[in-house]
Amino acid sequence: MPSNIEIKARAANFNETCRRAQALSDMPVDVILQEDTFFNTPHGRLKLRVLPEHRGQLIYYTRPDQLGPKRSDYHISVTSDPDNLKRVLELVYGIRGVVKKTRYLYLVGQTRVHLDDVEGLGQFMELEVVMGEGQSDAEGQAIAEELMTSLGVEKRDLLEGAYLDLLESSTTPS
């Protein structure tokens, strides 16, 4: 199963982080509207990502909910009929929740730098260091930590979990 080392953090200064990411990026920014529907699963996370032009990706992943760089194992299946797939998955698993965001994607070497404006939550930054064959988690963590420094990400800004977890905790009655 493919893997990456990733971090998620609040973007304390979204515009400055975008500027820094662009300066480091191997290509111009790609702005992508995404809607992720998460389904109830006994293990890991399963989401259907709907992209522009009626394209979709079914993504299953597992990763620990912890601060800082962590390994994520994932599998992606592409679909040209996301609406029908969503209905089937809803009937089988039930929908856990939906996350809508505008993603600003930058590529820095083997790392996908995401600056996300998430509906109902705010602005965030994610790093996904896509691991190469035989590359150790420690190598990926070192790359992530170096990029965190270059992008001005502070340890206090780090988050654990997924955007859906943050949405659920912000709507849970006290």
N, C-alpha and C. Protein backbone atom coordinates (compact mmCIF):
# COMPACT_ATOMS: atom_id res chain seq x y z
N MET A 1 0.85 -1.18 0.00
CA MET A 1 0.00 0.00 0.00
C MET A 1 0.90 1.24 0.00
N PRO A 2 0.62 2.23 -0.84
CA PRO A 2 1.42 3.46 -0.83
C PRO A 2 1.34 4.15 0.53
N SER A 3 2.36 4.96 0.84
CA SER A 3 2.35 5.66 2.12
C SER A 3 2.96 7.04 1.97
N ASN A 4 2.66 7.87 2.96
CA ASN A 4 3.31 9.17 3.06
C ASN A 4 3.50 9.51 4.52
N ILE A 5 4.33 10.51 4.75
CA ILE A 5 4.48 11.08 6.09
C ILE A 5 3.78 12.42 6.02
N GLU A 6 2.88 12.64 6.97
CA GLU A 6 2.13 13.89 6.87
C GLU A 6 2.02 14.61 8.20
N ILE A 7 1.75 15.89 8.05
CA ILE A 7 1.42 16.72 9.20
C ILE A 7 0.24 17.60 8.82
N LYS A 8 -0.47 18.05 9.82
CA LYS A 8 -1.55 19.02 9.64
C LYS A 8 -1.36 20.09 10.70
N ALA A 9 -1.56 21.35 10.30
CA ALA A 9 -1.38 22.46 11.23
C ALA A 9 -2.35 23.58 10.89
N ARG A 10 -2.69 24.35 11.89
CA ARG A 10 -3.43 25.59 11.64
C ARG A 10 -2.49 26.53 10.90
N ALA A 11 -3.01 27.26 9.93
CA ALA A 11 -2.20 28.24 9.19
C ALA A 11 -2.36 29.59 9.90
N ALA A 12 -1.40 29.90 10.75
CA ALA A 12 -1.46 31.13 11.53
C ALA A 12 -1.47 32.35 10.62
N ASN A 13 -0.70 32.30 9.53
CA ASN A 13 -0.67 33.39 8.55
C ASN A 13 -0.76 32.75 7.17
N PHE A 14 -1.99 32.52 6.73
CA PHE A 14 -2.27 31.78 5.49
C PHE A 14 -1.55 32.40 4.29
N ASN A 15 -1.65 33.72 4.11
CA ASN A 15 -1.05 34.36 2.95
C ASN A 15 0.48 34.24 2.94
N GLU A 16 1.09 34.39 4.10
CA GLU A 16 2.55 34.26 4.19
C GLU A 16 2.97 32.81 3.91
N THR A 17 2.22 31.85 4.41
CA THR A 17 2.54 30.45 4.15
C THR A 17 2.39 30.15 2.67
N CYS A 18 1.36 30.69 2.02
CA CYS A 18 1.20 30.53 0.56
C CYS A 18 2.40 31.12 -0.18
N ARG A 19 2.84 32.30 0.24
CA ARG A 19 3.99 32.95 -0.41
C ARG A 19 5.24 32.08 -0.28
N ARG A 20 5.48 31.56 0.92
CA ARG A 20 6.64 30.71 1.14
C ARG A 20 6.55 29.41 0.34
N ALA A 21 5.36 28.82 0.31
CA ALA A 21 5.17 27.57 -0.45
C ALA A 21 5.42 27.79 -1.93
N GLN A 22 4.94 28.91 -2.46
CA GLN A 22 5.15 29.21 -3.89
C GLN A 22 6.63 29.38 -4.19
N ALA A 23 7.37 30.02 -3.29
CA ALA A 23 8.80 30.22 -3.50
C ALA A 23 9.56 28.88 -3.53
N LEU A 24 9.07 27.90 -2.78
CA LEU A 24 9.72 26.59 -2.72
C LEU A 24 9.23 25.63 -3.80
N SER A 25 8.06 25.92 -4.37
CA SER A 25 7.37 24.97 -5.25
C SER A 25 8.06 24.76 -6.59
N ASP A 26 7.93 23.54 -7.09
CA ASP A 26 8.47 23.17 -8.39
C ASP A 26 7.54 23.57 -9.53
N MET A 27 6.34 24.07 -9.23
CA MET A 27 5.36 24.43 -10.24
C MET A 27 4.41 25.49 -9.68
N PRO A 28 3.64 26.15 -10.54
CA PRO A 28 2.66 27.13 -10.03
C PRO A 28 1.59 26.44 -9.18
N VAL A 29 0.96 27.21 -8.33
CA VAL A 29 -0.09 26.68 -7.47
C VAL A 29 -1.24 26.12 -8.32
N ASP A 30 -1.85 25.04 -7.83
CA ASP A 30 -3.04 24.45 -8.44
C ASP A 30 -4.16 24.63 -7.42
N VAL A 31 -5.21 25.37 -7.78
CA VAL A 31 -6.33 25.62 -6.88
C VAL A 31 -7.44 24.63 -7.21
N ILE A 32 -7.86 23.85 -6.20
CA ILE A 32 -8.80 22.75 -6.42
C ILE A 32 -9.94 22.84 -5.41
N LEU A 33 -11.18 22.82 -5.91
CA LEU A 33 -12.34 22.71 -5.02
C LEU A 33 -12.57 21.24 -4.75
N GLN A 34 -12.71 20.88 -3.46
CA GLN A 34 -12.88 19.48 -3.08
C GLN A 34 -14.04 19.34 -2.10
N GLU A 35 -14.79 18.26 -2.28
CA GLU A 35 -15.81 17.88 -1.31
C GLU A 35 -15.55 16.44 -0.93
N ASP A 36 -15.24 16.22 0.34
CA ASP A 36 -14.93 14.88 0.85
C ASP A 36 -16.09 14.38 1.69
N THR A 37 -16.69 13.27 1.27
CA THR A 37 -17.73 12.62 2.06
C THR A 37 -17.11 11.42 2.76
N PHE A 38 -17.15 11.44 4.09
CA PHE A 38 -16.59 10.36 4.89
C PHE A 38 -17.69 9.37 5.24
N PHE A 39 -17.34 8.09 5.21
CA PHE A 39 -18.29 7.03 5.52
C PHE A 39 -17.89 6.35 6.82
N ASN A 40 -18.88 5.79 7.51
CA ASN A 40 -18.62 5.05 8.74
C ASN A 40 -17.86 3.77 8.39
N THR A 41 -16.77 3.53 9.09
CA THR A 41 -15.97 2.33 8.87
C THR A 41 -15.46 1.82 10.21
N PRO A 42 -15.26 0.50 10.33
CA PRO A 42 -14.75 -0.03 11.60
C PRO A 42 -13.27 0.28 11.83
N HIS A 43 -12.51 0.47 10.74
CA HIS A 43 -11.07 0.74 10.84
C HIS A 43 -10.70 1.79 9.80
N GLY A 44 -9.75 2.65 10.13
CA GLY A 44 -9.26 3.64 9.18
C GLY A 44 -10.34 4.63 8.79
N ARG A 45 -10.09 5.32 7.69
CA ARG A 45 -11.06 6.30 7.17
C ARG A 45 -11.30 6.01 5.70
N LEU A 46 -12.55 6.17 5.29
CA LEU A 46 -12.95 5.99 3.90
C LEU A 46 -13.68 7.24 3.48
N LYS A 47 -13.18 7.87 2.40
CA LYS A 47 -13.84 9.09 1.93
C LYS A 47 -13.91 9.07 0.41
N LEU A 48 -14.96 9.70 -0.08
CA LEU A 48 -15.12 9.91 -1.51
C LEU A 48 -14.88 11.38 -1.76
N ARG A 49 -13.84 11.67 -2.53
CA ARG A 49 -13.49 13.05 -2.86
C ARG A 49 -14.06 13.36 -4.24
N VAL A 50 -14.93 14.37 -4.28
CA VAL A 50 -15.49 14.82 -5.55
C VAL A 50 -14.72 16.06 -5.98
N LEU A 51 -14.23 16.00 -7.22
CA LEU A 51 -13.40 17.05 -7.79
C LEU A 51 -14.14 17.72 -8.94
N PRO A 52 -13.63 18.85 -9.43
CA PRO A 52 -14.27 19.49 -10.59
C PRO A 52 -14.37 18.53 -11.77
N GLU A 53 -15.27 18.87 -12.68
CA GLU A 53 -15.51 18.09 -13.90
C GLU A 53 -16.03 16.70 -13.59
N HIS A 54 -16.75 16.59 -12.48
CA HIS A 54 -17.44 15.36 -12.09
C HIS A 54 -16.51 14.15 -12.02
N ARG A 55 -15.33 14.39 -11.46
CA ARG A 55 -14.38 13.30 -11.24
C ARG A 55 -14.39 12.97 -9.75
N GLY A 56 -13.99 11.77 -9.42
CA GLY A 56 -13.96 11.39 -8.03
C GLY A 56 -12.83 10.44 -7.71
N GLN A 57 -12.48 10.42 -6.41
CA GLN A 57 -11.46 9.50 -5.90
C GLN A 57 -12.01 8.90 -4.62
N LEU A 58 -12.03 7.57 -4.57
CA LEU A 58 -12.36 6.88 -3.34
C LEU A 58 -11.04 6.61 -2.64
N ILE A 59 -10.90 7.12 -1.40
CA ILE A 59 -9.63 7.06 -0.69
C ILE A 59 -9.85 6.37 0.65
N TYR A 60 -9.09 5.30 0.86
CA TYR A 60 -9.07 4.63 2.16
C TYR A 60 -7.69 4.88 2.76
N TYR A 61 -7.64 5.27 4.04
CA TYR A 61 -6.35 5.48 4.67
C TYR A 61 -6.39 5.17 6.15
N THR A 62 -5.22 4.83 6.66
CA THR A 62 -5.03 4.62 8.09
C THR A 62 -3.83 5.45 8.52
N ARG A 63 -3.96 6.07 9.67
CA ARG A 63 -2.85 6.81 10.27
C ARG A 63 -3.19 7.07 11.72
N PRO A 64 -2.18 7.18 12.56
CA PRO A 64 -2.45 7.49 13.97
C PRO A 64 -2.90 8.95 14.12
N ASP A 65 -3.77 9.18 15.08
CA ASP A 65 -4.18 10.55 15.41
C ASP A 65 -3.19 11.07 16.45
N GLN A 66 -2.15 11.75 15.96
CA GLN A 66 -1.13 12.29 16.85
C GLN A 66 -0.56 13.56 16.23
N LEU A 67 0.04 14.38 17.06
CA LEU A 67 0.67 15.60 16.59
C LEU A 67 1.96 15.27 15.86
N GLY A 68 2.37 16.13 14.95
CA GLY A 68 3.65 15.99 14.27
C GLY A 68 3.61 15.02 13.12
N PRO A 69 4.78 14.79 12.50
CA PRO A 69 4.85 13.91 11.34
C PRO A 69 4.43 12.48 11.70
N LYS A 70 3.59 11.90 10.87
CA LYS A 70 3.10 10.54 11.11
C LYS A 70 2.89 9.83 9.78
N ARG A 71 3.01 8.52 9.79
CA ARG A 71 2.85 7.70 8.60
C ARG A 71 1.37 7.50 8.30
N SER A 72 1.03 7.64 7.03
CA SER A 72 -0.33 7.37 6.55
C SER A 72 -0.22 6.37 5.41
N ASP A 73 -0.91 5.24 5.53
CA ASP A 73 -0.99 4.26 4.46
C ASP A 73 -2.32 4.46 3.76
N TYR A 74 -2.32 4.45 2.42
CA TYR A 74 -3.55 4.79 1.70
C TYR A 74 -3.67 3.99 0.40
N HIS A 75 -4.89 3.96 -0.08
CA HIS A 75 -5.18 3.39 -1.39
C HIS A 75 -6.22 4.28 -2.04
N ILE A 76 -6.03 4.60 -3.33
CA ILE A 76 -6.94 5.49 -4.06
C ILE A 76 -7.48 4.77 -5.28
N SER A 77 -8.80 4.88 -5.47
CA SER A 77 -9.46 4.36 -6.67
C SER A 77 -10.19 5.52 -7.34
N VAL A 78 -9.97 5.68 -8.64
CA VAL A 78 -10.57 6.79 -9.39
C VAL A 78 -11.92 6.36 -9.95
N THR A 79 -12.88 7.31 -9.96
CA THR A 79 -14.20 7.02 -10.51
C THR A 79 -14.67 8.18 -11.39
N SER A 80 -15.41 7.85 -12.43
CA SER A 80 -16.04 8.88 -13.27
C SER A 80 -17.51 9.03 -12.92
N ASP A 81 -17.98 8.29 -11.92
CA ASP A 81 -19.39 8.34 -11.50
C ASP A 81 -19.46 8.48 -9.97
N PRO A 82 -18.95 9.60 -9.43
CA PRO A 82 -18.91 9.73 -7.97
C PRO A 82 -20.29 9.77 -7.32
N ASP A 83 -21.30 10.30 -7.99
CA ASP A 83 -22.64 10.37 -7.38
C ASP A 83 -23.20 8.98 -7.11
N ASN A 84 -23.07 8.09 -8.09
CA ASN A 84 -23.59 6.73 -7.92
C ASN A 84 -22.78 5.98 -6.86
N LEU A 85 -21.46 6.13 -6.89
CA LEU A 85 -20.62 5.48 -5.89
C LEU A 85 -20.96 5.98 -4.49
N LYS A 86 -21.19 7.27 -4.35
CA LYS A 86 -21.55 7.84 -3.05
C LYS A 86 -22.84 7.21 -2.54
N ARG A 87 -23.81 7.03 -3.41
CA ARG A 87 -25.09 6.45 -3.00
C ARG A 87 -24.91 5.00 -2.53
N VAL A 88 -24.11 4.24 -3.26
CA VAL A 88 -23.86 2.85 -2.87
C VAL A 88 -23.17 2.80 -1.51
N LEU A 89 -22.14 3.61 -1.33
CA LEU A 89 -21.41 3.62 -0.06
C LEU A 89 -22.29 4.12 1.09
N GLU A 90 -23.15 5.07 0.81
CA GLU A 90 -24.09 5.55 1.83
C GLU A 90 -25.02 4.43 2.27
N LEU A 91 -25.53 3.65 1.31
CA LEU A 91 -26.43 2.55 1.65
C LEU A 91 -25.73 1.48 2.47
N VAL A 92 -24.47 1.23 2.17
CA VAL A 92 -23.73 0.17 2.85
C VAL A 92 -23.19 0.63 4.21
N TYR A 93 -22.57 1.80 4.26
CA TYR A 93 -21.85 2.24 5.45
C TYR A 93 -22.51 3.38 6.22
N GLY A 94 -23.28 4.20 5.53
CA GLY A 94 -23.80 5.42 6.14
C GLY A 94 -22.76 6.53 6.08
N ILE A 95 -23.23 7.76 5.96
CA ILE A 95 -22.34 8.91 5.86
C ILE A 95 -22.01 9.43 7.26
N ARG A 96 -20.73 9.59 7.52
CA ARG A 96 -20.27 10.15 8.80
C ARG A 96 -20.28 11.67 8.77
N GLY A 97 -19.90 12.26 7.62
CA GLY A 97 -19.87 13.71 7.51
C GLY A 97 -19.25 14.15 6.20
N VAL A 98 -19.30 15.47 5.96
CA VAL A 98 -18.80 16.03 4.70
C VAL A 98 -17.89 17.21 5.03
N VAL A 99 -16.76 17.27 4.31
CA VAL A 99 -15.81 18.37 4.45
C VAL A 99 -15.68 19.03 3.08
N LYS A 100 -15.91 20.35 3.03
CA LYS A 100 -15.76 21.11 1.78
C LYS A 100 -14.61 22.08 1.96
N LYS A 101 -13.75 22.13 0.92
CA LYS A 101 -12.59 23.02 1.04
C LYS A 101 -12.10 23.48 -0.32
N THR A 102 -11.38 24.59 -0.27
CA THR A 102 -10.59 25.04 -1.40
C THR A 102 -9.15 24.73 -1.05
N ARG A 103 -8.52 23.94 -1.91
CA ARG A 103 -7.13 23.50 -1.66
C ARG A 103 -6.19 24.22 -2.62
N TYR A 104 -5.13 24.78 -2.06
CA TYR A 104 -4.05 25.38 -2.83
C TYR A 104 -2.89 24.38 -2.77
N LEU A 105 -2.61 23.73 -3.89
CA LEU A 105 -1.63 22.66 -3.94
C LEU A 105 -0.31 23.15 -4.53
N TYR A 106 0.76 22.92 -3.79
CA TYR A 106 2.12 23.22 -4.22
C TYR A 106 2.92 21.92 -4.16
N LEU A 107 3.82 21.70 -5.12
CA LEU A 107 4.69 20.53 -5.10
C LEU A 107 6.11 20.99 -4.80
N VAL A 108 6.69 20.41 -3.75
CA VAL A 108 8.06 20.74 -3.35
C VAL A 108 8.80 19.40 -3.26
N GLY A 109 9.56 19.09 -4.30
CA GLY A 109 10.25 17.80 -4.33
C GLY A 109 9.23 16.67 -4.29
N GLN A 110 9.38 15.78 -3.31
CA GLN A 110 8.45 14.65 -3.18
C GLN A 110 7.28 14.97 -2.25
N THR A 111 7.12 16.24 -1.91
CA THR A 111 6.09 16.63 -0.95
C THR A 111 4.97 17.44 -1.59
N ARG A 112 3.76 17.07 -1.24
CA ARG A 112 2.56 17.83 -1.61
C ARG A 112 2.27 18.78 -0.45
N VAL A 113 2.33 20.07 -0.71
CA VAL A 113 2.01 21.08 0.30
C VAL A 113 0.60 21.56 0.00
N HIS A 114 -0.30 21.35 0.95
CA HIS A 114 -1.69 21.77 0.80
C HIS A 114 -1.95 22.94 1.73
N LEU A 115 -2.47 24.02 1.19
CA LEU A 115 -3.01 25.10 2.01
C LEU A 115 -4.50 25.07 1.77
N ASP A 116 -5.24 24.78 2.83
CA ASP A 116 -6.67 24.50 2.72
C ASP A 116 -7.49 25.56 3.44
N ASP A 117 -8.52 26.05 2.74
CA ASP A 117 -9.52 26.91 3.34
C ASP A 117 -10.76 26.03 3.51
N VAL A 118 -11.01 25.58 4.74
CA VAL A 118 -12.03 24.58 5.02
C VAL A 118 -13.30 25.26 5.52
N GLU A 119 -14.40 24.97 4.83
CA GLU A 119 -15.70 25.56 5.17
C GLU A 119 -16.06 25.19 6.61
N GLY A 120 -16.34 26.22 7.42
CA GLY A 120 -16.76 26.01 8.80
C GLY A 120 -15.62 25.82 9.79
N LEU A 121 -14.37 25.78 9.31
CA LEU A 121 -13.24 25.56 10.22
C LEU A 121 -12.17 26.63 10.16
N GLY A 122 -11.84 27.08 8.95
CA GLY A 122 -10.77 28.06 8.81
C GLY A 122 -9.68 27.58 7.87
N GLN A 123 -8.46 28.06 8.11
CA GLN A 123 -7.36 27.83 7.18
C GLN A 123 -6.28 26.96 7.82
N PHE A 124 -5.79 26.02 7.00
CA PHE A 124 -4.86 25.01 7.49
C PHE A 124 -3.77 24.75 6.47
N MET A 125 -2.74 24.04 6.92
CA MET A 125 -1.66 23.61 6.05
C MET A 125 -1.41 22.13 6.32
N GLU A 126 -1.24 21.38 5.24
CA GLU A 126 -0.88 19.96 5.34
C GLU A 126 0.36 19.71 4.51
N LEU A 127 1.20 18.82 4.99
CA LEU A 127 2.32 18.32 4.21
C LEU A 127 2.10 16.83 4.02
N GLU A 128 2.31 16.36 2.80
CA GLU A 128 2.29 14.93 2.52
C GLU A 128 3.59 14.59 1.79
N VAL A 129 4.53 14.00 2.52
CA VAL A 129 5.79 13.56 1.93
C VAL A 129 5.53 12.18 1.35
N VAL A 130 5.42 12.09 0.02
CA VAL A 130 5.12 10.82 -0.65
C VAL A 130 6.38 9.96 -0.61
N MET A 131 6.27 8.82 0.04
CA MET A 131 7.43 7.98 0.29
C MET A 131 7.81 7.18 -0.94
N GLY A 132 9.11 7.15 -1.21
CA GLY A 132 9.65 6.37 -2.30
C GLY A 132 9.93 4.94 -1.86
N GLU A 133 10.10 4.06 -2.82
CA GLU A 133 10.42 2.66 -2.54
C GLU A 133 11.66 2.57 -1.67
N GLY A 134 11.55 1.88 -0.54
CA GLY A 134 12.69 1.68 0.34
C GLY A 134 13.04 2.87 1.23
N GLN A 135 12.31 3.95 1.11
CA GLN A 135 12.59 5.13 1.93
C GLN A 135 12.02 4.92 3.34
N SER A 136 12.78 5.29 4.35
CA SER A 136 12.35 5.07 5.74
C SER A 136 11.42 6.19 6.21
N ASP A 137 10.61 5.85 7.21
CA ASP A 137 9.75 6.85 7.82
C ASP A 137 10.59 8.00 8.39
N ALA A 138 11.75 7.68 8.94
CA ALA A 138 12.62 8.71 9.52
C ALA A 138 13.05 9.72 8.45
N GLU A 139 13.34 9.24 7.23
CA GLU A 139 13.70 10.15 6.14
C GLU A 139 12.53 11.07 5.80
N GLY A 140 11.33 10.50 5.72
CA GLY A 140 10.14 11.30 5.44
C GLY A 140 9.86 12.31 6.53
N GLN A 141 10.06 11.91 7.79
CA GLN A 141 9.84 12.82 8.91
C GLN A 141 10.84 13.97 8.87
N ALA A 142 12.07 13.68 8.50
CA ALA A 142 13.09 14.74 8.42
C ALA A 142 12.72 15.74 7.32
N ILE A 143 12.22 15.26 6.19
CA ILE A 143 11.78 16.15 5.11
C ILE A 143 10.63 17.01 5.58
N ALA A 144 9.65 16.40 6.26
CA ALA A 144 8.50 17.15 6.76
C ALA A 144 8.93 18.23 7.76
N GLU A 145 9.81 17.87 8.66
CA GLU A 145 10.26 18.83 9.68
C GLU A 145 11.04 19.99 9.05
N GLU A 146 11.85 19.70 8.04
CA GLU A 146 12.59 20.76 7.35
C GLU A 146 11.62 21.71 6.64
N LEU A 147 10.61 21.14 6.00
CA LEU A 147 9.62 21.99 5.32
C LEU A 147 8.79 22.79 6.31
N MET A 148 8.46 22.21 7.46
CA MET A 148 7.73 22.95 8.48
C MET A 148 8.51 24.22 8.84
N THR A 149 9.81 24.07 9.02
CA THR A 149 10.66 25.22 9.35
C THR A 149 10.65 26.24 8.22
N SER A 150 10.82 25.78 6.98
CA SER A 150 10.84 26.68 5.82
C SER A 150 9.53 27.43 5.64
N LEU A 151 8.42 26.78 6.00
CA LEU A 151 7.10 27.39 5.84
C LEU A 151 6.66 28.19 7.06
N GLY A 152 7.47 28.17 8.11
CA GLY A 152 7.14 28.94 9.31
C GLY A 152 6.09 28.28 10.18
N VAL A 153 5.96 26.96 10.12
CA VAL A 153 4.98 26.24 10.93
C VAL A 153 5.58 25.99 12.31
N GLU A 154 4.87 26.41 13.33
CA GLU A 154 5.31 26.23 14.72
C GLU A 154 4.70 24.95 15.28
N LYS A 155 5.39 24.31 16.20
CA LYS A 155 4.88 23.08 16.82
C LYS A 155 3.52 23.32 17.50
N ARG A 156 3.31 24.50 18.02
CA ARG A 156 2.04 24.80 18.69
C ARG A 156 0.86 24.82 17.72
N ASP A 157 1.13 24.95 16.40
CA ASP A 157 0.07 24.97 15.39
C ASP A 157 -0.34 23.57 14.93
N LEU A 158 0.44 22.54 15.30
CA LEU A 158 0.18 21.18 14.82
C LEU A 158 -1.14 20.64 15.36
N LEU A 159 -1.78 19.81 14.53
CA LEU A 159 -3.06 19.20 14.87
C LEU A 159 -2.99 17.70 14.65
N GLU A 160 -3.86 16.98 15.32
CA GLU A 160 -3.98 15.55 15.06
C GLU A 160 -5.35 15.32 14.43
N GLY A 161 -5.54 14.17 13.82
CA GLY A 161 -6.84 13.82 13.26
C GLY A 161 -7.08 14.45 11.90
N ALA A 162 -8.33 14.33 11.46
CA ALA A 162 -8.76 14.82 10.15
C ALA A 162 -9.65 16.05 10.32
N TYR A 163 -9.88 16.76 9.22
CA TYR A 163 -10.78 17.91 9.28
C TYR A 163 -12.15 17.50 9.80
N LEU A 164 -12.60 16.31 9.43
CA LEU A 164 -13.91 15.85 9.90
C LEU A 164 -13.94 15.76 11.42
N ASP A 165 -12.85 15.30 12.02
CA ASP A 165 -12.78 15.23 13.49
C ASP A 165 -12.93 16.62 14.09
N LEU A 166 -12.27 17.61 13.49
CA LEU A 166 -12.37 18.99 13.98
C LEU A 166 -13.79 19.52 13.83
N LEU A 167 -14.42 19.23 12.69
CA LEU A 167 -15.81 19.65 12.49
C LEU A 167 -16.74 19.01 13.52
N GLU A 168 -16.55 17.71 13.74
CA GLU A 168 -17.40 17.01 14.71
C GLU A 168 -17.21 17.57 16.12
N SER A 169 -15.97 17.86 16.50
CA SER A 169 -15.73 18.37 17.85
C SER A 169 -16.24 19.80 18.00
N SER A 170 -16.31 20.56 16.90
CA SER A 170 -16.80 21.94 17.00
C SER A 170 -18.31 21.99 17.03
N THR A 171 -18.99 20.90 16.66
CA THR A 171 -20.45 20.88 16.67
C THR A 171 -21.02 20.01 17.79
N THR A 172 -20.13 19.39 18.60
CA THR A 172 -20.58 18.54 19.69
C THR A 172 -21.07 19.43 20.83
N PRO A 173 -22.31 19.17 21.32
CA PRO A 173 -22.82 19.98 22.44
C PRO A 173 -21.97 19.76 23.69
N SER A 174 -21.81 20.82 24.47
CA SER A 174 -21.01 20.73 25.70
C SER A 174 -21.81 20.14 26.82
